[in-house]
Amino acid sequence: MLSGIVTLAGQLDYESSSRYHIVIAAHEATDGHSLLSTSELTIDVINVNDHAPQFSHGEHRVFLAEDCAVGSFVIQLVATDADSCHGNLKSPIASTLPASFSKAFQVPTF
């Protein structure tokens, strides 16, 4: 009887490869005859949340005239997450505004 153990030799990354197909072979050669048996092993990698969301730019700067109308568009920020399906975030974008700014700016959550 032949027995073998398959072990993990390196770090898995779902975003790089979510499935592995391995063909395992047992080979025997005696008296000039060669016998072979194979078995297919499929390993599906389960995604875990191991990537933080990333904004398209680390810093943003906007110049606004002091006479801009209330409700004027200021900026649209874009964040993606490598763990999410097609890079869509599953949680809303949130902000922390100092109390003195909260009267002048609004950041809605989506």
PDB file of N, CA and C in Angstrom:
ATOM      1  N   MET A   1       0.847  -1.171   0.000  1.00  0.00           N
ATOM      2  CA  MET A   1       0.000   0.000   0.000  1.00  0.00           C
ATOM      3  C   MET A   1       0.893   1.235   0.000  1.00  0.00           C
ATOM      4  N   LEU A   2       0.509   2.200  -0.821  1.00  0.00           N
ATOM      5  CA  LEU A   2       1.201   3.487  -0.856  1.00  0.00           C
ATOM      6  C   LEU A   2       0.339   4.517  -0.157  1.00  0.00           C
ATOM      7  N   SER A   3       0.972   5.394   0.563  1.00  0.00           N
ATOM      8  CA  SER A   3       0.244   6.449   1.255  1.00  0.00           C
ATOM      9  C   SER A   3       1.025   7.749   1.097  1.00  0.00           C
ATOM     10  N   GLY A   4       0.319   8.851   0.989  1.00  0.00           N
ATOM     11  CA  GLY A   4       0.983  10.145   0.858  1.00  0.00           C
ATOM     12  C   GLY A   4       0.194  11.231   1.554  1.00  0.00           C
ATOM     13  N   ILE A   5       0.891  12.219   1.978  1.00  0.00           N
ATOM     14  CA  ILE A   5       0.271  13.355   2.652  1.00  0.00           C
ATOM     15  C   ILE A   5       0.561  14.593   1.820  1.00  0.00           C
ATOM     16  N   VAL A   6      -0.461  15.362   1.542  1.00  0.00           N
ATOM     17  CA  VAL A   6      -0.306  16.631   0.831  1.00  0.00           C
ATOM     18  C   VAL A   6      -0.267  17.725   1.887  1.00  0.00           C
ATOM     19  N   THR A   7       0.774  18.550   1.852  1.00  0.00           N
ATOM     20  CA  THR A   7       0.895  19.653   2.803  1.00  0.00           C
ATOM     21  C   THR A   7       1.021  20.973   2.050  1.00  0.00           C
ATOM     22  N   LEU A   8       0.734  22.044   2.719  1.00  0.00           N
ATOM     23  CA  LEU A   8       0.833  23.382   2.147  1.00  0.00           C
ATOM     24  C   LEU A   8       2.283  23.852   2.215  1.00  0.00           C
ATOM     25  N   ALA A   9       2.840  24.199   1.048  1.00  0.00           N
ATOM     26  CA  ALA A   9       4.255  24.590   0.986  1.00  0.00           C
ATOM     27  C   ALA A   9       4.448  26.101   0.922  1.00  0.00           C
ATOM     28  N   GLY A  10       3.391  26.853   0.695  1.00  0.00           N
ATOM     29  CA  GLY A  10       3.507  28.312   0.603  1.00  0.00           C
ATOM     30  C   GLY A  10       2.190  28.969   0.969  1.00  0.00           C
ATOM     31  N   GLN A  11       2.220  30.281   1.074  1.00  0.00           N
ATOM     32  CA  GLN A  11       1.037  31.056   1.464  1.00  0.00           C
ATOM     33  C   GLN A  11       0.025  31.089   0.322  1.00  0.00           C
ATOM     34  N   LEU A  12      -1.250  30.887   0.655  1.00  0.00           N
ATOM     35  CA  LEU A  12      -2.328  30.986  -0.325  1.00  0.00           C
ATOM     36  C   LEU A  12      -2.809  32.424  -0.420  1.00  0.00           C
ATOM     37  N   ASP A  13      -3.290  32.810  -1.595  1.00  0.00           N
ATOM     38  CA  ASP A  13      -3.897  34.122  -1.788  1.00  0.00           C
ATOM     39  C   ASP A  13      -5.056  33.963  -2.759  1.00  0.00           C
ATOM     40  N   TYR A  14      -6.270  34.057  -2.243  1.00  0.00           N
ATOM     41  CA  TYR A  14      -7.486  33.865  -3.032  1.00  0.00           C
ATOM     42  C   TYR A  14      -7.510  34.772  -4.258  1.00  0.00           C
ATOM     43  N   GLU A  15      -7.041  36.013  -4.089  1.00  0.00           N
ATOM     44  CA  GLU A  15      -7.078  36.966  -5.198  1.00  0.00           C
ATOM     45  C   GLU A  15      -6.128  36.568  -6.326  1.00  0.00           C
ATOM     46  N   SER A  16      -5.102  35.791  -6.032  1.00  0.00           N
ATOM     47  CA  SER A  16      -4.172  35.313  -7.058  1.00  0.00           C
ATOM     48  C   SER A  16      -4.660  34.016  -7.702  1.00  0.00           C
ATOM     49  N   SER A  17      -5.141  33.097  -6.882  1.00  0.00           N
ATOM     50  CA  SER A  17      -5.639  31.820  -7.393  1.00  0.00           C
ATOM     51  C   SER A  17      -6.651  31.261  -6.397  1.00  0.00           C
ATOM     52  N   SER A  18      -7.880  31.078  -6.851  1.00  0.00           N
ATOM     53  CA  SER A  18      -8.927  30.597  -5.952  1.00  0.00           C
ATOM     54  C   SER A  18      -9.128  29.088  -6.042  1.00  0.00           C
ATOM     55  N   ARG A  19      -8.465  28.432  -7.004  1.00  0.00           N
ATOM     56  CA  ARG A  19      -8.621  26.985  -7.155  1.00  0.00           C
ATOM     57  C   ARG A  19      -7.331  26.373  -7.689  1.00  0.00           C
ATOM     58  N   TYR A  20      -7.006  25.215  -7.148  1.00  0.00           N
ATOM     59  CA  TYR A  20      -5.830  24.461  -7.587  1.00  0.00           C
ATOM     60  C   TYR A  20      -6.273  23.062  -8.004  1.00  0.00           C
ATOM     61  N   HIS A  21      -5.776  22.610  -9.153  1.00  0.00           N
ATOM     62  CA  HIS A  21      -6.013  21.242  -9.624  1.00  0.00           C
ATOM     63  C   HIS A  21      -4.675  20.517  -9.609  1.00  0.00           C
ATOM     64  N   ILE A  22      -4.630  19.387  -8.921  1.00  0.00           N
ATOM     65  CA  ILE A  22      -3.401  18.617  -8.798  1.00  0.00           C
ATOM     66  C   ILE A  22      -3.696  17.173  -9.218  1.00  0.00           C
ATOM     67  N   VAL A  23      -2.840  16.628 -10.043  1.00  0.00           N
ATOM     68  CA  VAL A  23      -2.939  15.216 -10.404  1.00  0.00           C
ATOM     69  C   VAL A  23      -1.860  14.474  -9.631  1.00  0.00           C
ATOM     70  N   ILE A  24      -2.283  13.493  -8.850  1.00  0.00           N
ATOM     71  CA  ILE A  24      -1.363  12.706  -8.039  1.00  0.00           C
ATOM     72  C   ILE A  24      -1.252  11.331  -8.697  1.00  0.00           C
ATOM     73  N   ALA A  25      -0.029  10.870  -8.840  1.00  0.00           N
ATOM     74  CA  ALA A  25       0.193   9.602  -9.531  1.00  0.00           C
ATOM     75  C   ALA A  25       0.948   8.624  -8.649  1.00  0.00           C
ATOM     76  N   ALA A  26       0.563   7.354  -8.766  1.00  0.00           N
ATOM     77  CA  ALA A  26       1.306   6.260  -8.146  1.00  0.00           C
ATOM     78  C   ALA A  26       1.832   5.409  -9.306  1.00  0.00           C
ATOM     79  N   HIS A  27       3.130   5.202  -9.310  1.00  0.00           N
ATOM     80  CA  HIS A  27       3.784   4.508 -10.429  1.00  0.00           C
ATOM     81  C   HIS A  27       4.543   3.302  -9.909  1.00  0.00           C
ATOM     82  N   GLU A  28       4.374   2.199 -10.614  1.00  0.00           N
ATOM     83  CA  GLU A  28       5.078   0.977 -10.226  1.00  0.00           C
ATOM     84  C   GLU A  28       5.704   0.360 -11.480  1.00  0.00           C
ATOM     85  N   ALA A  29       6.968   0.035 -11.371  1.00  0.00           N
ATOM     86  CA  ALA A  29       7.668  -0.601 -12.498  1.00  0.00           C
ATOM     87  C   ALA A  29       8.334  -1.867 -12.003  1.00  0.00           C
ATOM     88  N   THR A  30       7.853  -3.010 -12.497  1.00  0.00           N
ATOM     89  CA  THR A  30       8.448  -4.294 -12.127  1.00  0.00           C
ATOM     90  C   THR A  30       8.515  -5.192 -13.345  1.00  0.00           C
ATOM     91  N   ASP A  31       9.537  -5.967 -13.439  1.00  0.00           N
ATOM     92  CA  ASP A  31       9.699  -6.959 -14.491  1.00  0.00           C
ATOM     93  C   ASP A  31       9.410  -6.395 -15.887  1.00  0.00           C
ATOM     94  N   GLY A  32       9.848  -5.185 -16.145  1.00  0.00           N
ATOM     95  CA  GLY A  32       9.653  -4.601 -17.459  1.00  0.00           C
ATOM     96  C   GLY A  32       8.251  -4.071 -17.707  1.00  0.00           C
ATOM     97  N   HIS A  33       7.357  -4.165 -16.730  1.00  0.00           N
ATOM     98  CA  HIS A  33       6.004  -3.634 -16.863  1.00  0.00           C
ATOM     99  C   HIS A  33       5.894  -2.349 -16.046  1.00  0.00           C
ATOM    100  N   SER A  34       5.121  -1.442 -16.568  1.00  0.00           N
ATOM    101  CA  SER A  34       4.908  -0.186 -15.867  1.00  0.00           C
ATOM    102  C   SER A  34       3.417  -0.040 -15.593  1.00  0.00           C
ATOM    103  N   LEU A  35       3.076   0.190 -14.349  1.00  0.00           N
ATOM    104  CA  LEU A  35       1.679   0.380 -13.957  1.00  0.00           C
ATOM    105  C   LEU A  35       1.535   1.768 -13.346  1.00  0.00           C
ATOM    106  N   LEU A  36       0.430   2.406 -13.669  1.00  0.00           N
ATOM    107  CA  LEU A  36       0.214   3.784 -13.221  1.00  0.00           C
ATOM    108  C   LEU A  36      -1.239   3.971 -12.817  1.00  0.00           C
ATOM    109  N   SER A  37      -1.440   4.680 -11.739  1.00  0.00           N
ATOM    110  CA  SER A  37      -2.784   5.073 -11.313  1.00  0.00           C
ATOM    111  C   SER A  37      -2.729   6.541 -10.937  1.00  0.00           C
ATOM    112  N   THR A  38      -3.771   7.285 -11.293  1.00  0.00           N
ATOM    113  CA  THR A  38      -3.800   8.718 -10.970  1.00  0.00           C
ATOM    114  C   THR A  38      -5.087   9.053 -10.222  1.00  0.00           C
ATOM    115  N   SER A  39      -5.011  10.117  -9.492  1.00  0.00           N
ATOM    116  CA  SER A  39      -6.167  10.665  -8.794  1.00  0.00           C
ATOM    117  C   SER A  39      -6.086  12.179  -8.904  1.00  0.00           C
ATOM    118  N   GLU A  40      -7.220  12.805  -9.155  1.00  0.00           N
ATOM    119  CA  GLU A  40      -7.262  14.272  -9.257  1.00  0.00           C
ATOM    120  C   GLU A  40      -7.698  14.865  -7.932  1.00  0.00           C
ATOM    121  N   LEU A  41      -7.005  15.907  -7.533  1.00  0.00           N
ATOM    122  CA  LEU A  41      -7.312  16.627  -6.298  1.00  0.00           C
ATOM    123  C   LEU A  41      -7.614  18.074  -6.666  1.00  0.00           C
ATOM    124  N   THR A  42      -8.766  18.568  -6.244  1.00  0.00           N
ATOM    125  CA  THR A  42      -9.129  19.970  -6.447  1.00  0.00           C
ATOM    126  C   THR A  42      -9.183  20.637  -5.083  1.00  0.00           C
ATOM    127  N   ILE A  43      -8.474  21.751  -4.956  1.00  0.00           N
ATOM    128  CA  ILE A  43      -8.466  22.514  -3.710  1.00  0.00           C
ATOM    129  C   ILE A  43      -9.063  23.882  -4.005  1.00  0.00           C
ATOM    130  N   ASP A  44     -10.168  24.203  -3.329  1.00  0.00           N
ATOM    131  CA  ASP A  44     -10.797  25.518  -3.442  1.00  0.00           C
ATOM    132  C   ASP A  44     -10.365  26.362  -2.255  1.00  0.00           C
ATOM    133  N   VAL A  45      -9.839  27.526  -2.533  1.00  0.00           N
ATOM    134  CA  VAL A  45      -9.374  28.443  -1.492  1.00  0.00           C
ATOM    135  C   VAL A  45     -10.549  29.316  -1.070  1.00  0.00           C
ATOM    136  N   ILE A  46     -10.771  29.426   0.209  1.00  0.00           N
ATOM    137  CA  ILE A  46     -11.847  30.256   0.743  1.00  0.00           C
ATOM    138  C   ILE A  46     -11.292  31.649   1.014  1.00  0.00           C
ATOM    139  N   ASN A  47     -11.965  32.653   0.501  1.00  0.00           N
ATOM    140  CA  ASN A  47     -11.510  34.032   0.660  1.00  0.00           C
ATOM    141  C   ASN A  47     -11.731  34.508   2.091  1.00  0.00           C
ATOM    142  N   VAL A  48     -10.744  35.192   2.623  1.00  0.00           N
ATOM    143  CA  VAL A  48     -10.871  35.857   3.919  1.00  0.00           C
ATOM    144  C   VAL A  48     -10.585  37.346   3.705  1.00  0.00           C
ATOM    145  N   ASN A  49     -11.064  38.153   4.590  1.00  0.00           N
ATOM    146  CA  ASN A  49     -10.891  39.596   4.468  1.00  0.00           C
ATOM    147  C   ASN A  49      -9.491  39.986   4.941  1.00  0.00           C
ATOM    148  N   ASP A  50      -8.522  39.914   4.017  1.00  0.00           N
ATOM    149  CA  ASP A  50      -7.132  40.191   4.386  1.00  0.00           C
ATOM    150  C   ASP A  50      -6.551  41.416   3.683  1.00  0.00           C
ATOM    151  N   HIS A  51      -7.383  42.172   2.984  1.00  0.00           N
ATOM    152  CA  HIS A  51      -6.929  43.400   2.324  1.00  0.00           C
ATOM    153  C   HIS A  51      -7.784  44.574   2.809  1.00  0.00           C
ATOM    154  N   ALA A  52      -7.148  45.636   3.206  1.00  0.00           N
ATOM    155  CA  ALA A  52      -7.864  46.838   3.632  1.00  0.00           C
ATOM    156  C   ALA A  52      -8.363  47.601   2.400  1.00  0.00           C
ATOM    157  N   PRO A  53      -9.482  48.306   2.526  1.00  0.00           N
ATOM    158  CA  PRO A  53      -9.932  49.142   1.410  1.00  0.00           C
ATOM    159  C   PRO A  53      -8.863  50.189   1.083  1.00  0.00           C
ATOM    160  N   GLN A  54      -8.788  50.562  -0.189  1.00  0.00           N
ATOM    161  CA  GLN A  54      -7.804  51.544  -0.640  1.00  0.00           C
ATOM    162  C   GLN A  54      -8.506  52.652  -1.407  1.00  0.00           C
ATOM    163  N   PHE A  55      -8.185  53.896  -1.075  1.00  0.00           N
ATOM    164  CA  PHE A  55      -8.670  55.021  -1.863  1.00  0.00           C
ATOM    165  C   PHE A  55      -7.802  55.164  -3.105  1.00  0.00           C
ATOM    166  N   SER A  56      -8.380  55.735  -4.166  1.00  0.00           N
ATOM    167  CA  SER A  56      -7.637  55.906  -5.417  1.00  0.00           C
ATOM    168  C   SER A  56      -6.427  56.817  -5.223  1.00  0.00           C
ATOM    169  N   HIS A  57      -6.501  57.729  -4.270  1.00  0.00           N
ATOM    170  CA  HIS A  57      -5.378  58.609  -3.923  1.00  0.00           C
ATOM    171  C   HIS A  57      -5.303  58.700  -2.404  1.00  0.00           C
ATOM    172  N   GLY A  58      -4.105  58.798  -1.870  1.00  0.00           N
ATOM    173  CA  GLY A  58      -3.933  58.873  -0.425  1.00  0.00           C
ATOM    174  C   GLY A  58      -4.314  60.216   0.167  1.00  0.00           C
ATOM    175  N   GLU A  59      -4.231  61.242  -0.641  1.00  0.00           N
ATOM    176  CA  GLU A  59      -4.551  62.589  -0.161  1.00  0.00           C
ATOM    177  C   GLU A  59      -5.305  63.331  -1.255  1.00  0.00           C
ATOM    178  N   HIS A  60      -6.287  64.117  -0.839  1.00  0.00           N
ATOM    179  CA  HIS A  60      -7.077  64.902  -1.784  1.00  0.00           C
ATOM    180  C   HIS A  60      -7.058  66.362  -1.320  1.00  0.00           C
ATOM    181  N   ARG A  61      -7.087  67.270  -2.284  1.00  0.00           N
ATOM    182  CA  ARG A  61      -7.132  68.688  -1.946  1.00  0.00           C
ATOM    183  C   ARG A  61      -8.088  69.376  -2.900  1.00  0.00           C
ATOM    184  N   VAL A  62      -8.998  70.163  -2.338  1.00  0.00           N
ATOM    185  CA  VAL A  62     -10.014  70.867  -3.122  1.00  0.00           C
ATOM    186  C   VAL A  62      -9.984  72.333  -2.717  1.00  0.00           C
ATOM    187  N   PHE A  63     -10.128  73.203  -3.697  1.00  0.00           N
ATOM    188  CA  PHE A  63     -10.226  74.634  -3.431  1.00  0.00           C
ATOM    189  C   PHE A  63     -11.664  75.067  -3.691  1.00  0.00           C
ATOM    190  N   LEU A  64     -12.277  75.731  -2.701  1.00  0.00           N
ATOM    191  CA  LEU A  64     -13.653  76.194  -2.820  1.00  0.00           C
ATOM    192  C   LEU A  64     -13.715  77.690  -2.553  1.00  0.00           C
ATOM    193  N   ALA A  65     -14.476  78.370  -3.379  1.00  0.00           N
ATOM    194  CA  ALA A  65     -14.712  79.801  -3.136  1.00  0.00           C
ATOM    195  C   ALA A  65     -15.659  79.936  -1.945  1.00  0.00           C
ATOM    196  N   GLU A  66     -15.454  80.950  -1.150  1.00  0.00           N
ATOM    197  CA  GLU A  66     -16.273  81.103   0.051  1.00  0.00           C
ATOM    198  C   GLU A  66     -17.732  81.407  -0.263  1.00  0.00           C
ATOM    199  N   ASP A  67     -18.026  81.769  -1.510  1.00  0.00           N
ATOM    200  CA  ASP A  67     -19.421  82.058  -1.862  1.00  0.00           C
ATOM    201  C   ASP A  67     -20.092  80.888  -2.604  1.00  0.00           C
ATOM    202  N   CYS A  68     -19.539  79.665  -2.484  1.00  0.00           N
ATOM    203  CA  CYS A  68     -20.165  78.479  -3.091  1.00  0.00           C
ATOM    204  C   CYS A  68     -21.538  78.277  -2.467  1.00  0.00           C
ATOM    205  N   ALA A  69     -22.486  77.843  -3.286  1.00  0.00           N
ATOM    206  CA  ALA A  69     -23.843  77.603  -2.803  1.00  0.00           C
ATOM    207  C   ALA A  69     -23.879  76.360  -1.918  1.00  0.00           C
ATOM    208  N   VAL A  70     -24.739  76.403  -0.902  1.00  0.00           N
ATOM    209  CA  VAL A  70     -24.952  75.236  -0.053  1.00  0.00           C
ATOM    210  C   VAL A  70     -25.449  74.102  -0.939  1.00  0.00           C
ATOM    211  N   GLY A  71     -24.900  72.919  -0.755  1.00  0.00           N
ATOM    212  CA  GLY A  71     -25.276  71.765  -1.576  1.00  0.00           C
ATOM    213  C   GLY A  71     -24.404  71.582  -2.800  1.00  0.00           C
ATOM    214  N   SER A  72     -23.420  72.477  -2.990  1.00  0.00           N
ATOM    215  CA  SER A  72     -22.518  72.364  -4.139  1.00  0.00           C
ATOM    216  C   SER A  72     -21.688  71.091  -4.037  1.00  0.00           C
ATOM    217  N   PHE A  73     -21.417  70.472  -5.189  1.00  0.00           N
ATOM    218  CA  PHE A  73     -20.562  69.300  -5.262  1.00  0.00           C
ATOM    219  C   PHE A  73     -19.150  69.706  -4.867  1.00  0.00           C
ATOM    220  N   VAL A  74     -18.517  68.926  -3.995  1.00  0.00           N
ATOM    221  CA  VAL A  74     -17.153  69.211  -3.562  1.00  0.00           C
ATOM    222  C   VAL A  74     -16.185  68.213  -4.190  1.00  0.00           C
ATOM    223  N   ILE A  75     -16.391  66.922  -3.971  1.00  0.00           N
ATOM    224  CA  ILE A  75     -15.496  65.893  -4.504  1.00  0.00           C
ATOM    225  C   ILE A  75     -16.183  64.536  -4.373  1.00  0.00           C
ATOM    226  N   GLN A  76     -15.836  63.621  -5.265  1.00  0.00           N
ATOM    227  CA  GLN A  76     -16.279  62.235  -5.135  1.00  0.00           C
ATOM    228  C   GLN A  76     -15.043  61.379  -4.918  1.00  0.00           C
ATOM    229  N   LEU A  77     -15.013  60.653  -3.800  1.00  0.00           N
ATOM    230  CA  LEU A  77     -13.890  59.782  -3.477  1.00  0.00           C
ATOM    231  C   LEU A  77     -14.216  58.354  -3.891  1.00  0.00           C
ATOM    232  N   VAL A  78     -13.212  57.641  -4.339  1.00  0.00           N
ATOM    233  CA  VAL A  78     -13.393  56.253  -4.764  1.00  0.00           C
ATOM    234  C   VAL A  78     -12.487  55.344  -3.931  1.00  0.00           C
ATOM    235  N   ALA A  79     -13.084  54.314  -3.356  1.00  0.00           N
ATOM    236  CA  ALA A  79     -12.318  53.321  -2.603  1.00  0.00           C
ATOM    237  C   ALA A  79     -12.666  51.940  -3.151  1.00  0.00           C
ATOM    238  N   THR A  80     -11.666  51.074  -3.233  1.00  0.00           N
ATOM    239  CA  THR A  80     -11.889  49.701  -3.672  1.00  0.00           C
ATOM    240  C   THR A  80     -11.305  48.740  -2.640  1.00  0.00           C
ATOM    241  N   ASP A  81     -11.766  47.513  -2.697  1.00  0.00           N
ATOM    242  CA  ASP A  81     -11.293  46.491  -1.761  1.00  0.00           C
ATOM    243  C   ASP A  81     -10.995  45.229  -2.563  1.00  0.00           C
ATOM    244  N   ALA A  82      -9.756  44.763  -2.539  1.00  0.00           N
ATOM    245  CA  ALA A  82      -9.352  43.584  -3.303  1.00  0.00           C
ATOM    246  C   ALA A  82     -10.075  42.325  -2.839  1.00  0.00           C
ATOM    247  N   ASP A  83     -10.634  42.318  -1.626  1.00  0.00           N
ATOM    248  CA  ASP A  83     -11.343  41.144  -1.121  1.00  0.00           C
ATOM    249  C   ASP A  83     -12.772  41.051  -1.631  1.00  0.00           C
ATOM    250  N   SER A  84     -13.326  42.150  -2.088  1.00  0.00           N
ATOM    251  CA  SER A  84     -14.724  42.158  -2.476  1.00  0.00           C
ATOM    252  C   SER A  84     -14.892  41.729  -3.917  1.00  0.00           C
ATOM    253  N   CYS A  85     -16.061  41.245  -4.219  1.00  0.00           N
ATOM    254  CA  CYS A  85     -16.402  40.836  -5.585  1.00  0.00           C
ATOM    255  C   CYS A  85     -16.294  42.032  -6.514  1.00  0.00           C
ATOM    256  N   HIS A  86     -15.443  41.945  -7.510  1.00  0.00           N
ATOM    257  CA  HIS A  86     -15.234  43.004  -8.507  1.00  0.00           C
ATOM    258  C   HIS A  86     -14.778  44.317  -7.881  1.00  0.00           C
ATOM    259  N   GLY A  87     -14.203  44.277  -6.688  1.00  0.00           N
ATOM    260  CA  GLY A  87     -13.655  45.472  -6.060  1.00  0.00           C
ATOM    261  C   GLY A  87     -14.689  46.376  -5.416  1.00  0.00           C
ATOM    262  N   ASN A  88     -15.937  45.931  -5.287  1.00  0.00           N
ATOM    263  CA  ASN A  88     -16.965  46.756  -4.652  1.00  0.00           C
ATOM    264  C   ASN A  88     -16.909  46.578  -3.142  1.00  0.00           C
ATOM    265  N   LEU A  89     -16.977  47.694  -2.432  1.00  0.00           N
ATOM    266  CA  LEU A  89     -16.958  47.638  -0.974  1.00  0.00           C
ATOM    267  C   LEU A  89     -18.298  47.132  -0.461  1.00  0.00           C
ATOM    268  N   LYS A  90     -18.253  46.398   0.634  1.00  0.00           N
ATOM    269  CA  LYS A  90     -19.474  45.889   1.239  1.00  0.00           C
ATOM    270  C   LYS A  90     -19.917  46.756   2.410  1.00  0.00           C
ATOM    271  N   SER A  91     -19.076  47.669   2.857  1.00  0.00           N
ATOM    272  CA  SER A  91     -19.389  48.558   3.967  1.00  0.00           C
ATOM    273  C   SER A  91     -19.358  49.995   3.465  1.00  0.00           C
ATOM    274  N   PRO A  92     -20.084  50.878   4.119  1.00  0.00           N
ATOM    275  CA  PRO A  92     -20.121  52.266   3.655  1.00  0.00           C
ATOM    276  C   PRO A  92     -18.817  53.013   3.940  1.00  0.00           C
ATOM    277  N   ILE A  93     -18.593  54.060   3.148  1.00  0.00           N
ATOM    278  CA  ILE A  93     -17.489  54.976   3.426  1.00  0.00           C
ATOM    279  C   ILE A  93     -17.955  55.873   4.569  1.00  0.00           C
ATOM    280  N   ALA A  94     -17.141  56.008   5.561  1.00  0.00           N
ATOM    281  CA  ALA A  94     -17.502  56.826   6.719  1.00  0.00           C
ATOM    282  C   ALA A  94     -16.476  57.932   6.875  1.00  0.00           C
ATOM    283  N   SER A  95     -16.845  58.947   7.596  1.00  0.00           N
ATOM    284  CA  SER A  95     -15.903  60.040   7.834  1.00  0.00           C
ATOM    285  C   SER A  95     -15.996  60.469   9.290  1.00  0.00           C
ATOM    286  N   THR A  96     -14.945  61.109   9.725  1.00  0.00           N
ATOM    287  CA  THR A  96     -14.925  61.707  11.049  1.00  0.00           C
ATOM    288  C   THR A  96     -14.639  63.187  10.847  1.00  0.00           C
ATOM    289  N   LEU A  97     -15.635  63.997  11.086  1.00  0.00           N
ATOM    290  CA  LEU A  97     -15.481  65.439  10.927  1.00  0.00           C
ATOM    291  C   LEU A  97     -15.418  66.093  12.296  1.00  0.00           C
ATOM    292  N   PRO A  98     -14.471  67.004  12.481  1.00  0.00           N
ATOM    293  CA  PRO A  98     -14.483  67.772  13.725  1.00  0.00           C
ATOM    294  C   PRO A  98     -15.812  68.525  13.847  1.00  0.00           C
ATOM    295  N   ALA A  99     -16.274  68.724  15.040  1.00  0.00           N
ATOM    296  CA  ALA A  99     -17.565  69.390  15.258  1.00  0.00           C
ATOM    297  C   ALA A  99     -17.648  70.725  14.526  1.00  0.00           C
ATOM    298  N   SER A 100     -16.549  71.462  14.474  1.00  0.00           N
ATOM    299  CA  SER A 100     -16.573  72.767  13.800  1.00  0.00           C
ATOM    300  C   SER A 100     -16.770  72.631  12.291  1.00  0.00           C
ATOM    301  N   PHE A 101     -16.428  71.472  11.714  1.00  0.00           N
ATOM    302  CA  PHE A 101     -16.591  71.264  10.267  1.00  0.00           C
ATOM    303  C   PHE A 101     -17.970  70.722   9.915  1.00  0.00           C
ATOM    304  N   SER A 102     -18.633  70.055  10.875  1.00  0.00           N
ATOM    305  CA  SER A 102     -19.882  69.369  10.571  1.00  0.00           C
ATOM    306  C   SER A 102     -20.988  70.325  10.151  1.00  0.00           C
ATOM    307  N   LYS A 103     -20.858  71.603  10.465  1.00  0.00           N
ATOM    308  CA  LYS A 103     -21.854  72.584  10.018  1.00  0.00           C
ATOM    309  C   LYS A 103     -21.620  72.993   8.569  1.00  0.00           C
ATOM    310  N   ALA A 104     -20.397  72.792   8.070  1.00  0.00           N
ATOM    311  CA  ALA A 104     -20.076  73.217   6.721  1.00  0.00           C
ATOM    312  C   ALA A 104     -20.039  72.072   5.713  1.00  0.00           C
ATOM    313  N   PHE A 105     -19.745  70.856   6.161  1.00  0.00           N
ATOM    314  CA  PHE A 105     -19.589  69.729   5.242  1.00  0.00           C
ATOM    315  C   PHE A 105     -20.414  68.541   5.664  1.00  0.00           C
ATOM    316  N   GLN A 106     -20.820  67.768   4.677  1.00  0.00           N
ATOM    317  CA  GLN A 106     -21.583  66.561   4.928  1.00  0.00           C
ATOM    318  C   GLN A 106     -21.007  65.435   4.079  1.00  0.00           C
ATOM    319  N   VAL A 107     -20.768  64.287   4.709  1.00  0.00           N
ATOM    320  CA  VAL A 107     -20.302  63.104   3.993  1.00  0.00           C
ATOM    321  C   VAL A 107     -21.338  62.017   4.193  1.00  0.00           C
ATOM    322  N   PRO A 108     -22.221  61.820   3.187  1.00  0.00           N
ATOM    323  CA  PRO A 108     -23.242  60.776   3.345  1.00  0.00           C
ATOM    324  C   PRO A 108     -22.629  59.393   3.247  1.00  0.00           C
ATOM    325  N   THR A 109     -23.222  58.417   3.933  1.00  0.00           N
ATOM    326  CA  THR A 109     -22.789  57.033   3.793  1.00  0.00           C
ATOM    327  C   THR A 109     -23.680  56.371   2.760  1.00  0.00           C
ATOM    328  N   PHE A 110     -23.110  55.423   2.019  1.00  0.00           N
ATOM    329  CA  PHE A 110     -23.850  54.779   0.930  1.00  0.00           C
ATOM    330  C   PHE A 110     -24.176  53.356   1.283  1.00  0.00           C
TER     331      PHE A 110
END
